[in-house]
Amino acid sequence: MKYNKFYIGLSKDGIASNFIFFRPKKKFVYLYSRCADPEKRKEELDNTELDWIYSSKNHAYRIRIDKSDDYRKNKELIEILIKDAMELRNIEY
């Protein structure tokens, strides 16, 4: 993990690889997950209680995670979004 002033990104051997990144706030965290096809997971996200939008600026889904319950309830979908972003960058998991 690479800690910056406004977000937490990922790096490997000192090289940034921000296919996902986090923007922590006092009461919640934003998870940004990039994807090749923004419509691909839209329906699945609509069926959750998560607050989310597609950020065209970052070409990523912005998902607000308020509490650990949000993560636990949607763990599988969050992992799928991360895997999608990894596939986009040709990173093995």
C-alpha atoms as a PDB file:
ATOM      1  CA  MET A   1       0.000   0.000   0.000  1.00  0.00           C
ATOM      2  CA  LYS A   2       1.152   3.496  -0.765  1.00  0.00           C
ATOM      3  CA  TYR A   3      -0.144   6.240   1.497  1.00  0.00           C
ATOM      4  CA  ASN A   4      -0.611   9.630  -0.134  1.00  0.00           C
ATOM      5  CA  LYS A   5      -2.153  12.815   1.228  1.00  0.00           C
ATOM      6  CA  PHE A   6      -5.605  12.265  -0.279  1.00  0.00           C
ATOM      7  CA  TYR A   7      -5.788   8.537  -0.998  1.00  0.00           C
ATOM      8  CA  ILE A   8      -4.269   5.146  -0.371  1.00  0.00           C
ATOM      9  CA  GLY A   9      -3.056   3.428  -3.512  1.00  0.00           C
ATOM     10  CA  LEU A  10      -1.191   0.271  -4.361  1.00  0.00           C
ATOM     11  CA  SER A  11       2.351  -0.105  -5.553  1.00  0.00           C
ATOM     12  CA  LYS A  12       4.714  -2.928  -6.360  1.00  0.00           C
ATOM     13  CA  ASP A  13       8.459  -2.412  -6.204  1.00  0.00           C
ATOM     14  CA  GLY A  14       7.856   1.319  -5.805  1.00  0.00           C
ATOM     15  CA  ILE A  15       5.764   1.580  -8.977  1.00  0.00           C
ATOM     16  CA  ALA A  16       2.164   2.795  -8.590  1.00  0.00           C
ATOM     17  CA  SER A  17      -0.549   0.411  -9.697  1.00  0.00           C
ATOM     18  CA  ASN A  18      -3.789   2.152  -8.805  1.00  0.00           C
ATOM     19  CA  PHE A  19      -6.325  -0.183 -10.371  1.00  0.00           C
ATOM     20  CA  ILE A  20      -8.081   0.182  -7.023  1.00  0.00           C
ATOM     21  CA  PHE A  21      -7.561   2.892  -4.449  1.00  0.00           C
ATOM     22  CA  PHE A  22      -9.120   4.137  -1.250  1.00  0.00           C
ATOM     23  CA  ARG A  23     -10.106   7.592   0.012  1.00  0.00           C
ATOM     24  CA  PRO A  24     -10.539   7.337   3.775  1.00  0.00           C
ATOM     25  CA  LYS A  25     -12.752   9.836   5.570  1.00  0.00           C
ATOM     26  CA  LYS A  26     -13.528  10.123   9.281  1.00  0.00           C
ATOM     27  CA  LYS A  27     -16.723   8.032   9.208  1.00  0.00           C
ATOM     28  CA  PHE A  28     -16.387   6.016   6.010  1.00  0.00           C
ATOM     29  CA  VAL A  29     -14.055   5.025   3.188  1.00  0.00           C
ATOM     30  CA  TYR A  30     -14.486   5.325  -0.555  1.00  0.00           C
ATOM     31  CA  LEU A  31     -13.299   2.361  -2.586  1.00  0.00           C
ATOM     32  CA  TYR A  32     -12.530   3.145  -6.231  1.00  0.00           C
ATOM     33  CA  SER A  33     -12.408   0.107  -8.493  1.00  0.00           C
ATOM     34  CA  ARG A  34     -11.612   0.493 -12.181  1.00  0.00           C
ATOM     35  CA  CYS A  35     -13.270  -1.682 -14.776  1.00  0.00           C
ATOM     36  CA  ALA A  36     -13.272  -2.193 -18.522  1.00  0.00           C
ATOM     37  CA  ASP A  37     -17.071  -2.216 -18.825  1.00  0.00           C
ATOM     38  CA  PRO A  38     -18.822   0.178 -16.412  1.00  0.00           C
ATOM     39  CA  GLU A  39     -22.239  -1.361 -17.087  1.00  0.00           C
ATOM     40  CA  LYS A  40     -21.052  -4.858 -16.219  1.00  0.00           C
ATOM     41  CA  ARG A  41     -21.655  -4.694 -12.443  1.00  0.00           C
ATOM     42  CA  LYS A  42     -24.253  -1.921 -12.340  1.00  0.00           C
ATOM     43  CA  GLU A  43     -27.202  -4.241 -11.696  1.00  0.00           C
ATOM     44  CA  GLU A  44     -25.385  -6.104  -8.917  1.00  0.00           C
ATOM     45  CA  LEU A  45     -24.495  -2.821  -7.210  1.00  0.00           C
ATOM     46  CA  ASP A  46     -28.089  -1.629  -7.564  1.00  0.00           C
ATOM     47  CA  ASN A  47     -29.212  -4.697  -5.600  1.00  0.00           C
ATOM     48  CA  THR A  48     -27.085  -3.745  -2.583  1.00  0.00           C
ATOM     49  CA  GLU A  49     -27.552  -1.107   0.086  1.00  0.00           C
ATOM     50  CA  LEU A  50     -24.184   0.411  -0.795  1.00  0.00           C
ATOM     51  CA  ASP A  51     -23.973   4.027  -1.879  1.00  0.00           C
ATOM     52  CA  TRP A  52     -22.119   4.045  -5.210  1.00  0.00           C
ATOM     53  CA  ILE A  53     -21.649   5.948  -8.456  1.00  0.00           C
ATOM     54  CA  TYR A  54     -19.564   5.511 -11.551  1.00  0.00           C
ATOM     55  CA  SER A  55     -16.894   8.198 -11.598  1.00  0.00           C
ATOM     56  CA  SER A  56     -16.077   9.088 -15.193  1.00  0.00           C
ATOM     57  CA  LYS A  57     -13.185  11.222 -13.926  1.00  0.00           C
ATOM     58  CA  ASN A  58     -11.417   8.161 -12.495  1.00  0.00           C
ATOM     59  CA  HIS A  59     -13.073   5.615 -14.827  1.00  0.00           C
ATOM     60  CA  ALA A  60     -14.005   3.675 -11.711  1.00  0.00           C
ATOM     61  CA  TYR A  61     -16.860   2.716  -9.475  1.00  0.00           C
ATOM     62  CA  ARG A  62     -16.846   4.783  -6.287  1.00  0.00           C
ATOM     63  CA  ILE A  63     -18.313   2.738  -3.467  1.00  0.00           C
ATOM     64  CA  ARG A  64     -18.927   4.205  -0.028  1.00  0.00           C
ATOM     65  CA  ILE A  65     -18.350   1.759   2.821  1.00  0.00           C
ATOM     66  CA  ASP A  66     -19.739   3.215   6.055  1.00  0.00           C
ATOM     67  CA  LYS A  67     -19.155   0.421   8.489  1.00  0.00           C
ATOM     68  CA  SER A  68     -17.717  -3.061   8.640  1.00  0.00           C
ATOM     69  CA  ASP A  69     -21.244  -4.475   8.189  1.00  0.00           C
ATOM     70  CA  ASP A  70     -21.337  -2.914   4.708  1.00  0.00           C
ATOM     71  CA  TYR A  71     -18.176  -4.811   3.859  1.00  0.00           C
ATOM     72  CA  ARG A  72     -19.302  -8.110   5.404  1.00  0.00           C
ATOM     73  CA  LYS A  73     -22.687  -8.051   3.647  1.00  0.00           C
ATOM     74  CA  ASN A  74     -21.129  -7.266   0.259  1.00  0.00           C
ATOM     75  CA  LYS A  75     -17.755  -8.967   0.562  1.00  0.00           C
ATOM     76  CA  GLU A  76     -18.250 -11.232  -2.468  1.00  0.00           C
ATOM     77  CA  LEU A  77     -19.269  -8.364  -4.766  1.00  0.00           C
ATOM     78  CA  ILE A  78     -16.398  -6.162  -3.559  1.00  0.00           C
ATOM     79  CA  GLU A  79     -13.959  -8.997  -4.220  1.00  0.00           C
ATOM     80  CA  ILE A  80     -15.429  -9.468  -7.715  1.00  0.00           C
ATOM     81  CA  LEU A  81     -14.967  -5.751  -8.442  1.00  0.00           C
ATOM     82  CA  ILE A  82     -11.347  -5.958  -7.291  1.00  0.00           C
ATOM     83  CA  LYS A  83     -10.763  -9.037  -9.461  1.00  0.00           C
ATOM     84  CA  ASP A  84     -12.319  -7.224 -12.441  1.00  0.00           C
ATOM     85  CA  ALA A  85      -9.891  -4.345 -11.900  1.00  0.00           C
ATOM     86  CA  MET A  86      -6.981  -6.770 -11.622  1.00  0.00           C
ATOM     87  CA  GLU A  87      -7.975  -8.462 -14.874  1.00  0.00           C
ATOM     88  CA  LEU A  88      -8.139  -5.051 -16.547  1.00  0.00           C
ATOM     89  CA  ARG A  89      -4.496  -4.487 -15.570  1.00  0.00           C
ATOM     90  CA  ASN A  90      -3.490  -8.112 -16.363  1.00  0.00           C
ATOM     91  CA  ILE A  91      -2.582  -8.820 -12.733  1.00  0.00           C
ATOM     92  CA  GLU A  92      -2.873 -12.391 -11.516  1.00  0.00           C
ATOM     93  CA  TYR A  93      -4.707 -13.141  -8.304  1.00  0.00           C
END
